[in-house]
Every structure is written in structure tokens, then in C-alpha cells.
Protein backbone atom coordinates (compact mmCIF):
# COMPACT_ATOMS: atom_id res chain seq x y z
CA UNK A 1 -0.09 -0.04 0.01
CA UNK A 2 1.45 3.41 -0.89
CA UNK A 3 0.27 7.08 -1.44
CA UNK A 4 0.36 6.30 -5.25
CA UNK A 5 -1.99 3.43 -5.07
CA UNK A 6 -4.09 5.57 -2.69
CA UNK A 7 -4.35 8.31 -5.32
CA UNK A 8 -5.05 5.70 -8.17
CA UNK A 9 -7.88 4.28 -6.14
CA UNK A 10 -9.35 7.73 -5.65
CA UNK A 11 -9.09 8.56 -9.44
CA UNK A 12 -10.70 5.20 -10.30
CA UNK A 13 -13.47 5.75 -7.93
CA UNK A 14 -14.12 9.10 -9.19
CA UNK A 15 -14.18 7.85 -12.67
CA UNK A 16 -17.00 5.41 -11.67
CA UNK A 17 -19.04 8.37 -10.58
CA UNK A 18 -18.34 10.22 -13.90
CA UNK A 19 -19.37 7.04 -15.85
CA UNK A 20 -22.51 6.56 -13.96
CA UNK A 21 -23.70 10.08 -14.75
CA UNK A 22 -22.71 9.53 -18.47
CA UNK A 23 -24.41 6.13 -19.01
CA UNK A 24 -27.52 6.35 -16.72
CA UNK A 25 -29.53 2.89 -16.84
CA UNK A 26 -27.18 1.58 -19.55
CA UNK A 27 -24.09 -0.43 -19.02
CA UNK A 28 -20.59 0.78 -20.02
CA UNK A 29 -18.61 -1.49 -22.46
CA UNK A 30 -15.53 0.42 -23.70
CA UNK A 31 -14.49 4.07 -23.82
CA UNK A 32 -12.65 6.01 -26.31
CA UNK A 33 -9.22 6.73 -25.34
CA UNK A 34 -9.28 10.34 -26.82
CA UNK A 35 -12.32 11.61 -24.76
CA UNK A 36 -13.43 8.80 -22.58
CA UNK A 37 -16.85 8.73 -24.03
CA UNK A 38 -18.44 5.21 -23.39
CA UNK A 39 -19.95 2.84 -25.99
CA UNK A 40 -22.77 1.23 -23.88
CA UNK A 41 -25.16 -1.72 -24.04
CA UNK A 42 -28.70 -1.78 -22.88
CA UNK A 43 -28.67 -5.26 -21.16
CA UNK A 44 -25.03 -5.43 -20.25
CA UNK A 45 -24.03 -8.32 -22.30
CA UNK A 46 -21.32 -10.67 -20.65
CA UNK A 47 -19.75 -7.44 -19.17
CA UNK A 48 -22.81 -6.15 -17.05
CA UNK A 49 -21.52 -7.69 -13.88
CA UNK A 50 -18.28 -5.74 -13.96
CA UNK A 51 -20.21 -2.51 -14.00
CA UNK A 52 -22.47 -3.59 -11.02
CA UNK A 53 -19.22 -4.74 -9.26
CA UNK A 54 -17.55 -1.37 -9.88
CA UNK A 55 -20.71 0.32 -8.29
CA UNK A 56 -20.47 -2.01 -5.17
CA UNK A 57 -16.79 -1.30 -4.84
CA UNK A 58 -17.59 2.49 -5.12
CA UNK A 59 -20.22 2.06 -2.38
CA UNK A 60 -17.57 0.46 -0.04
CA UNK A 61 -15.30 3.16 -0.86
CA UNK A 62 -17.51 6.08 -0.16
CA UNK A 63 -19.88 4.52 2.45
CA UNK A 64 -22.70 6.53 1.09
CA UNK A 65 -26.24 5.09 1.03
CA UNK A 66 -26.90 6.85 -2.33
CA UNK A 67 -23.84 4.64 -3.88
CA UNK A 68 -25.11 1.66 -2.27
CA UNK A 69 -28.73 2.03 -3.84
CA UNK A 70 -27.09 2.89 -7.28
CA UNK A 71 -25.18 -0.60 -6.97
CA UNK A 72 -28.37 -2.47 -5.96
CA UNK A 73 -30.33 -0.95 -8.72
CA UNK A 74 -27.72 -1.82 -11.28
CA UNK A 75 -27.36 -5.34 -9.95
CA UNK A 76 -31.33 -5.71 -10.16
CA UNK A 77 -30.95 -4.89 -13.95
CA UNK A 78 -28.79 -8.02 -14.54
CA UNK A 79 -31.78 -10.34 -13.51
CA UNK A 80 -32.76 -11.18 -17.18
CA UNK A 81 -29.45 -12.91 -17.54
CA UNK A 82 -30.32 -15.47 -14.74
CA UNK A 83 -32.09 -17.77 -17.29
CA UNK A 84 -29.93 -16.95 -20.27
CA UNK A 85 -28.07 -19.92 -21.84
CA UNK A 86 -24.48 -18.62 -21.35
CA UNK A 87 -21.63 -19.71 -19.30
CA UNK A 88 -20.65 -16.07 -18.89
CA UNK A 89 -23.29 -16.09 -15.97
CA UNK A 90 -20.18 -16.72 -13.79
CA UNK A 91 -18.71 -13.45 -14.93
CA UNK A 92 -22.07 -11.49 -14.65
CA UNK A 93 -23.47 -12.85 -11.41
CA UNK A 94 -20.22 -13.58 -9.47
CA UNK A 95 -18.37 -10.22 -10.02
CA UNK A 96 -21.64 -8.37 -9.98
CA UNK A 97 -22.64 -9.42 -6.68
CA UNK A 98 -19.44 -10.80 -4.71
CA UNK A 99 -18.51 -7.26 -3.39
CA UNK A 100 -22.19 -6.45 -2.35
CA UNK A 101 -21.74 -7.92 1.24
CA UNK A 102 -24.98 -8.47 3.01
CA UNK A 103 -27.10 -7.14 0.34
CA UNK A 104 -30.22 -9.36 0.27
CA UNK A 105 -31.25 -8.74 -3.34
CA UNK A 106 -27.82 -9.40 -4.61
CA UNK A 107 -27.47 -12.56 -2.72
CA UNK A 108 -30.95 -13.72 -3.81
CA UNK A 109 -30.00 -12.92 -7.47
CA UNK A 110 -26.64 -14.77 -7.23
CA UNK A 111 -28.56 -17.98 -5.70
CA UNK A 112 -31.04 -17.97 -8.65
CA UNK A 113 -28.22 -17.64 -11.08
CA UNK A 114 -26.39 -20.42 -9.42
CA UNK A 115 -29.32 -22.81 -9.55
CA UNK A 116 -30.08 -22.07 -13.02
CA UNK A 117 -26.40 -22.74 -13.93
CA UNK A 118 -26.36 -26.22 -12.18
CA UNK A 119 -29.61 -27.11 -14.05
CA UNK A 120 -27.73 -26.41 -17.24
CA UNK A 121 -24.57 -28.34 -16.65
CA UNK A 122 -24.13 -31.24 -18.87
CA UNK A 123 -22.80 -34.26 -16.73
CA UNK A 124 -21.59 -36.10 -19.89
CA UNK A 125 -19.41 -33.35 -20.95
CA UNK A 126 -18.49 -32.47 -17.39
CA UNK A 127 -19.14 -28.73 -17.93
CA UNK A 128 -21.57 -25.92 -18.08
CA UNK A 129 -21.60 -25.51 -21.96
CA UNK A 130 -20.72 -21.99 -23.25
CA UNK A 131 -24.19 -21.52 -24.42
CA UNK A 132 -25.89 -19.82 -27.35
CA UNK A 133 -27.21 -16.68 -25.76
CA UNK A 134 -24.52 -14.67 -27.22
CA UNK A 135 -24.61 -16.37 -30.68
CA UNK A 136 -22.38 -19.11 -32.06
CA UNK A 137 -22.29 -22.67 -31.31
CA UNK A 138 -23.50 -23.97 -27.92
CA UNK A 139 -21.12 -26.73 -27.10
CA UNK A 140 -17.96 -24.86 -26.44
CA UNK A 141 -15.48 -24.97 -23.69
CA UNK A 142 -13.77 -21.61 -23.21
CA UNK A 143 -11.50 -20.28 -20.55
CA UNK A 144 -13.62 -17.33 -19.79
CA UNK A 145 -16.49 -19.58 -18.94
CA UNK A 146 -14.46 -20.53 -15.84
CA UNK A 147 -13.71 -17.67 -13.56
CA UNK A 148 -16.67 -16.65 -11.64
CA UNK A 149 -18.57 -19.71 -12.74
CA UNK A 150 -16.78 -21.96 -10.23
CA UNK A 151 -17.53 -19.98 -7.08
CA UNK A 152 -20.95 -19.43 -8.42
CA UNK A 153 -21.82 -22.98 -9.01
CA UNK A 154 -20.28 -23.76 -5.60
CA UNK A 155 -23.00 -21.72 -3.91
CA UNK A 156 -25.62 -23.97 -5.04
CA UNK A 157 -25.01 -26.63 -2.38
CA UNK A 158 -23.33 -30.00 -2.57
CA UNK A 159 -24.24 -30.81 -6.07
CA UNK A 160 -23.24 -27.33 -7.11
CA UNK A 161 -19.80 -27.84 -5.56
CA UNK A 162 -19.30 -31.00 -7.46
CA UNK A 163 -20.42 -29.38 -10.73
CA UNK A 164 -18.00 -26.47 -9.93
CA UNK A 165 -15.15 -28.97 -9.68
CA UNK A 166 -15.94 -30.86 -12.68
CA UNK A 167 -16.20 -27.71 -14.60
CA UNK A 168 -12.85 -26.37 -13.66
CA UNK A 169 -10.89 -29.66 -14.09
CA UNK A 170 -12.66 -30.43 -17.46
CA UNK A 171 -11.44 -27.13 -18.83
CA UNK A 172 -7.96 -27.71 -17.32
CA UNK A 173 -8.00 -31.17 -19.30
CA UNK A 174 -8.94 -29.54 -22.43
CA UNK A 175 -7.31 -26.01 -22.46
CA UNK A 176 -3.92 -26.83 -20.99
CA UNK A 177 -1.39 -29.01 -22.74
CA UNK A 178 0.64 -31.67 -21.10
CA UNK A 179 4.27 -32.59 -21.41
CA UNK A 180 5.16 -34.11 -24.73
CA UNK A 181 2.17 -32.42 -26.41
CA UNK A 182 2.80 -31.35 -29.94
CA UNK A 183 -0.31 -29.01 -29.93
CA UNK A 184 0.00 -25.26 -28.51
CA UNK A 185 0.25 -25.62 -24.77
CA UNK A 186 -2.75 -23.29 -24.33
CA UNK A 187 -5.98 -23.72 -26.08
CA UNK A 188 -8.53 -20.95 -25.05
CA UNK A 189 -11.54 -22.57 -26.76
CA UNK A 190 -12.55 -25.88 -28.05
CA UNK A 191 -15.83 -27.15 -29.86
CA UNK A 192 -17.47 -30.33 -29.23
CA UNK A 193 -18.29 -32.38 -32.54
CA UNK A 194 -21.51 -34.45 -31.74
CA UNK A 195 -20.64 -36.67 -34.83
CA UNK A 196 -17.17 -37.77 -33.65
CA UNK A 197 -17.68 -37.26 -29.76
CA UNK A 198 -14.49 -35.29 -29.73
CA UNK A 199 -13.30 -31.93 -28.74
CA UNK A 200 -11.49 -29.79 -31.45
CA UNK A 201 -9.50 -26.49 -30.79
CA UNK A 202 -11.17 -23.38 -32.31
CA UNK A 203 -9.09 -20.86 -34.17
CA UNK A 204 -10.62 -17.93 -32.27
CA UNK A 205 -9.46 -16.96 -29.75
CA UNK A 206 -5.81 -17.64 -30.83
CA UNK A 207 -3.60 -19.58 -28.42
CA UNK A 208 -1.60 -16.42 -27.71
CA UNK A 209 -4.56 -14.79 -26.12
CA UNK A 210 -3.12 -13.21 -23.08
CA UNK A 211 -6.51 -12.39 -21.31
CA UNK A 212 -7.37 -16.09 -21.74
CA UNK A 213 -4.49 -17.20 -20.00
CA UNK A 214 -5.28 -14.64 -17.29
CA UNK A 215 -8.93 -15.76 -16.93
CA UNK A 216 -7.84 -19.24 -16.48
CA UNK A 217 -5.09 -18.30 -13.79
CA UNK A 218 -7.67 -16.39 -12.04
CA UNK A 219 -10.06 -19.46 -11.69
CA UNK A 220 -7.31 -21.56 -10.57
CA UNK A 221 -6.26 -19.18 -8.01
CA UNK A 222 -9.90 -18.91 -6.53
CA UNK A 223 -9.93 -22.73 -6.36
CA UNK A 224 -6.64 -22.84 -4.22
CA UNK A 225 -7.73 -20.32 -1.76
CA UNK A 226 -7.97 -21.77 1.78
CA UNK A 227 -11.59 -20.41 1.86
CA UNK A 228 -12.52 -21.99 -1.42
CA UNK A 229 -15.16 -24.90 -1.66
CA UNK A 230 -13.03 -27.95 -2.21
CA UNK A 231 -12.23 -28.03 -5.96
CA UNK A 232 -10.84 -31.64 -6.34
CA UNK A 233 -7.14 -32.54 -6.76
CA UNK A 234 -4.88 -29.83 -5.03
CA UNK A 235 -1.78 -31.09 -6.91
CA UNK A 236 -3.40 -30.58 -10.17
CA UNK A 237 -4.51 -27.24 -9.43
CA UNK A 238 -0.97 -26.14 -8.22
CA UNK A 239 0.47 -27.76 -11.35
CA UNK A 240 -1.89 -25.76 -13.50
CA UNK A 241 -1.12 -22.67 -11.82
CA UNK A 242 2.71 -23.24 -12.14
CA UNK A 243 2.17 -24.02 -15.88
CA UNK A 244 0.18 -20.74 -16.55
CA UNK A 245 2.59 -18.78 -14.59
CA UNK A 246 5.83 -20.44 -16.11
CA UNK A 247 4.79 -20.72 -19.78
CA UNK A 248 2.70 -17.36 -19.80
CA UNK A 249 5.82 -15.57 -18.33
CA UNK A 250 3.64 -14.17 -15.67
CA UNK A 251 6.69 -13.50 -13.40
CA UNK A 252 9.24 -12.86 -15.83
CA UNK A 253 7.45 -11.17 -19.11
CA UNK A 254 6.31 -7.87 -19.53
CA UNK A 255 3.99 -6.41 -16.77
CA UNK A 256 1.35 -5.53 -19.48
CA UNK A 257 1.34 -8.28 -22.00
CA UNK A 258 0.39 -8.01 -25.70
CA UNK A 259 -3.29 -8.94 -26.41
CA UNK A 260 -1.85 -11.75 -28.44
CA UNK A 261 1.69 -13.09 -27.30
CA UNK A 262 2.25 -14.35 -30.97
CA UNK A 263 2.29 -10.75 -31.97
CA UNK A 264 4.47 -8.97 -29.27
CA UNK A 265 4.46 -5.70 -31.37
CA UNK A 266 0.71 -5.58 -31.52
CA UNK A 267 -1.68 -3.95 -29.10
CA UNK A 268 -1.27 -4.41 -25.60
CA UNK A 269 -3.98 -5.53 -23.01
CA UNK A 270 -4.02 -3.86 -19.65
CA UNK A 271 -7.16 -5.75 -18.76
CA UNK A 272 -5.14 -8.98 -18.95
CA UNK A 273 -2.60 -7.45 -16.78
CA UNK A 274 -5.14 -6.22 -14.19
CA UNK A 275 -6.82 -9.72 -14.13
CA UNK A 276 -3.55 -11.23 -13.67
CA UNK A 277 -2.55 -8.98 -10.57
CA UNK A 278 -5.77 -9.93 -8.99
CA UNK A 279 -5.01 -13.76 -9.49
CA UNK A 280 -1.62 -13.23 -8.13
CA UNK A 281 -2.96 -11.46 -4.94
CA UNK A 282 -5.09 -14.52 -4.45
CA UNK A 283 -2.35 -16.79 -4.97
CA UNK A 284 -0.08 -14.75 -2.34
CA UNK A 285 -2.71 -15.95 0.05
CA UNK A 286 -2.39 -19.58 -0.70
CA UNK A 287 -0.06 -21.92 1.21
CA UNK A 288 3.33 -22.20 -0.61
CA UNK A 289 6.88 -20.89 -0.82
CA UNK A 290 6.24 -18.27 -3.54
CA UNK A 291 3.66 -16.32 -1.89
CA UNK A 292 5.79 -13.34 -1.33
CA UNK A 293 6.97 -13.44 -4.82
CA UNK A 294 3.38 -13.42 -6.15
CA UNK A 295 2.52 -10.41 -3.89
CA UNK A 296 5.61 -8.52 -5.33
CA UNK A 297 4.74 -9.30 -8.81
CA UNK A 298 1.12 -8.26 -8.45
CA UNK A 299 2.39 -4.69 -6.94
CA UNK A 300 4.79 -4.44 -9.83
CA UNK A 301 1.91 -4.98 -12.39
CA UNK A 302 -0.10 -2.54 -10.60
CA UNK A 303 2.60 -0.01 -10.24
CA UNK A 304 2.97 -0.16 -14.16
CA UNK A 305 -0.66 0.22 -14.82
CA UNK A 306 -0.88 3.14 -12.43
CA UNK A 307 2.18 4.99 -13.73
CA UNK A 308 1.82 4.22 -17.48
CA UNK A 309 -1.78 3.57 -18.55
CA UNK A 310 -4.13 5.31 -16.05
CA UNK A 311 -4.96 8.89 -17.04
CA UNK A 312 -4.23 11.92 -14.70
CA UNK A 313 -5.27 15.45 -14.22
CA UNK A 314 -4.00 16.60 -17.31
CA UNK A 315 -7.40 18.07 -18.51
CA UNK A 316 -7.41 16.33 -21.89
CA UNK A 317 -9.64 13.41 -20.76
CA UNK A 318 -11.21 12.32 -17.44
CA UNK A 319 -8.86 10.99 -14.87
CA UNK A 320 -8.87 7.43 -13.65
CA UNK A 321 -9.27 5.78 -17.14
CA UNK A 322 -7.18 2.58 -17.48
CA UNK A 323 -6.28 2.86 -21.11
CA UNK A 324 -4.68 0.32 -23.58
CA UNK A 325 -7.24 -2.28 -23.05
CA UNK A 326 -7.80 -4.55 -26.17
CA UNK A 327 -11.39 -5.93 -26.58
CA UNK A 328 -10.62 -7.91 -29.86
CA UNK A 329 -7.14 -7.45 -31.56
CA UNK A 330 -8.11 -9.84 -34.52
CA UNK A 331 -11.26 -7.83 -35.35
CA UNK A 332 -9.66 -4.47 -34.48
CA UNK A 333 -12.23 -3.67 -32.12
CA UNK A 334 -11.32 -1.17 -29.27
CA UNK A 335 -7.77 -2.15 -29.10
CA UNK A 336 -6.48 0.91 -27.07
CA UNK A 337 -9.54 1.55 -25.16
CA UNK A 338 -10.65 1.71 -21.50
CA UNK A 339 -12.56 -1.59 -20.78
CA UNK A 340 -15.12 -1.93 -18.18
CA UNK A 341 -13.65 -5.10 -16.85
CA UNK A 342 -10.24 -3.92 -16.94
CA UNK A 343 -11.45 -0.96 -14.65
CA UNK A 344 -13.08 -3.53 -12.36
CA UNK A 345 -10.13 -5.71 -11.75
CA UNK A 346 -7.83 -2.60 -11.28
CA UNK A 347 -10.29 -1.27 -8.71
CA UNK A 348 -10.58 -4.81 -6.96
CA UNK A 349 -6.83 -5.06 -6.55
CA UNK A 350 -6.45 -1.60 -5.32
CA UNK A 351 -9.38 -1.99 -2.97
CA UNK A 352 -7.80 -5.22 -1.70
CA UNK A 353 -4.45 -3.31 -1.03
CA UNK A 354 -6.41 -0.61 0.83
CA UNK A 355 -8.42 -2.96 3.01
CA UNK A 356 -11.88 -2.29 1.36
CA UNK A 357 -12.52 -5.94 0.40
CA UNK A 358 -11.13 -9.25 1.23
CA UNK A 359 -9.65 -10.54 -2.05
CA UNK A 360 -10.19 -14.08 -1.01
CA UNK A 361 -14.00 -13.55 -1.13
CA UNK A 362 -14.37 -11.55 -4.31
């Protein structure tokens, strides 16, 4: 904790207030790096929970009842997604409610979404399928279907805990290579072919998708926390974390990675860095000899984000914008922008450092 992180947290929380005034009842998605104006969605899509989560973090920061009511109202607007056929309900309902504390409405919505996800799990495939609510094929296994989904499912009783463990380990089986594999060591998405009964890697997202590696590391870190619902083989989880950290260059590579590691001169992705920082803060709270190293690396990543990518009081654009996030490099979509989930994970990490949240619970 430092004066710099305190100033950064204040700027990010003020940015939340400015954003709320701009977007009204809509959900921010990505903001133009030149002027900070947001592209928004009416229903929130897969990112809506991060906006609700940011509002809950601001409510904790200010302690104001008006901010708490605003967070609760935004969370309630996520309700239509509870029954939608998408594994991104983990991202929506876990991160949209976990910082809500004892708010009864948020807890009830999270429980409803957890039960719906449990009902949608496919026991033969061993996962909650990606789903078709956002378009595309339904029978996908994607790494961004794992973070949030595991703790969400685990809240649905013993059957939910078993489904959470199966969902996580099946994704590890599919998405991470093993020694001697000739295929890429990381496969962020695979489709199930019903005709052959086999999983086949998808071309998009590519194997070098750094945010995908960060998503999976975050999910593994959550499962390794002492407070986590048992997620199965502890040795397997520690091996998976080690593989992601080593092969992904988490401790030795650039603090802010390129969006696609196969294109190191391409756009960066600060949102991948912010997700990784949160994962490292969680890993620093798990038993093991590298806890201090994880904490120090998380602080190094956060320092780089704050010093090199967070807007200040220069008057050209609003302060507290985390720039250089990359939504989709291949499509050229919002490649140097402020992203709502990047803001959320930066705010979560800074809030943890300043004692506003317990990082092991969010």
C-alpha cells in the first residue's frame, strides 16, 4: 500500500461516478481513449456484472447510501441474464454481486443464477456449456467460462460444488497441454463435435490470447484459496497454476502483455494485466513458498498500470481511465481503449490493498 495506489484508487472511484452520470441505466462497455466517451449496451451483455461490481466497490469506498442504492439498482437490472443460456453467467453474477456484502437482493439473485447454471450443466461433457445466448455454437469449452462460474456453482449446495469442480478440471484437461504434447500448450476455446464425440480446438481466440491465460489463472487461484469450496485435486491445481505462470511468463515477462503473445509488437491488453494482478494477490494468500513473490509481482504490475496507463489530471480526458485495453485484436475492435472489466479488476486489486475488500472472497 502506498500513496500512489491511494491516489489511483481515488481516481478510479471518481471515474466510476463520472461514468455513472454519463451512462444512466445503460451499461458501459468500452470508452474512447481520446475523450473517454463510453460505448454502452442496454442489457449489459457478458460485461454487465463488472459495472455492477464497480458500483459496489465505490459504495464500499464512499460508504454513502446513495452509492449503495445505485449498486443495488444496477445489480437488479442483471436479472434477465439469470435464465440465459450462457456460461458467462459466472462473470455476470459472481463479479456483479460478490462485493455486495450482506445485500439481500444481490444474494438472492446470485443464488437464483447459481441454481440455473447447475440445471444447465451437462454431466456427460462435465461442464456448463458456453451456451448460445451470445450467438455461435453452444457446445464450447472456453477459458472465460471458468472464472466466476466455479464459485457461483459452488454456492448451489453439494451438487453445485461437485459441478464446480468438474467444470474447472474439465477445462484444465481441455485447455492446458501436457508434457510431450505437439499442440499449443494453451487452447482457449474448443468445440464439441457431436458426430465424432471429440473436442477440437477453435481458431478464435488464438492460443496466444493473453487475457484467456489470465482468466484461467484467476479461476485456478480462486480454487486454491483456503476459503474455497474443495475443487478436487490440489496437486493438479498447483501444477496448472505453475504451468500458466511459467509458460505465460507471468513473473518474468512484460508487466502488461500484448493482447496476442504471438504478436508482441501488436496492441497491449491492460485488462489482462489487471486480471493477472488479482490472480496473483489471491495466490499470495495460498499456502506455498512463492507467496511473497506473487505479492511483489502483483504490486509491480499494478505500479506499471498506474504509472503508464492510468489517466491523470492533465485536462485532456477524465482522470482514472485505464487505457490500452484490447477488446478484440483480430477484429480491430477497441484495441487501445478503456474496458469496463479492466477498470473493475484494477479497482478490485487496489481496494484489496487498501483493506476495502477481502480478495479471497471476491
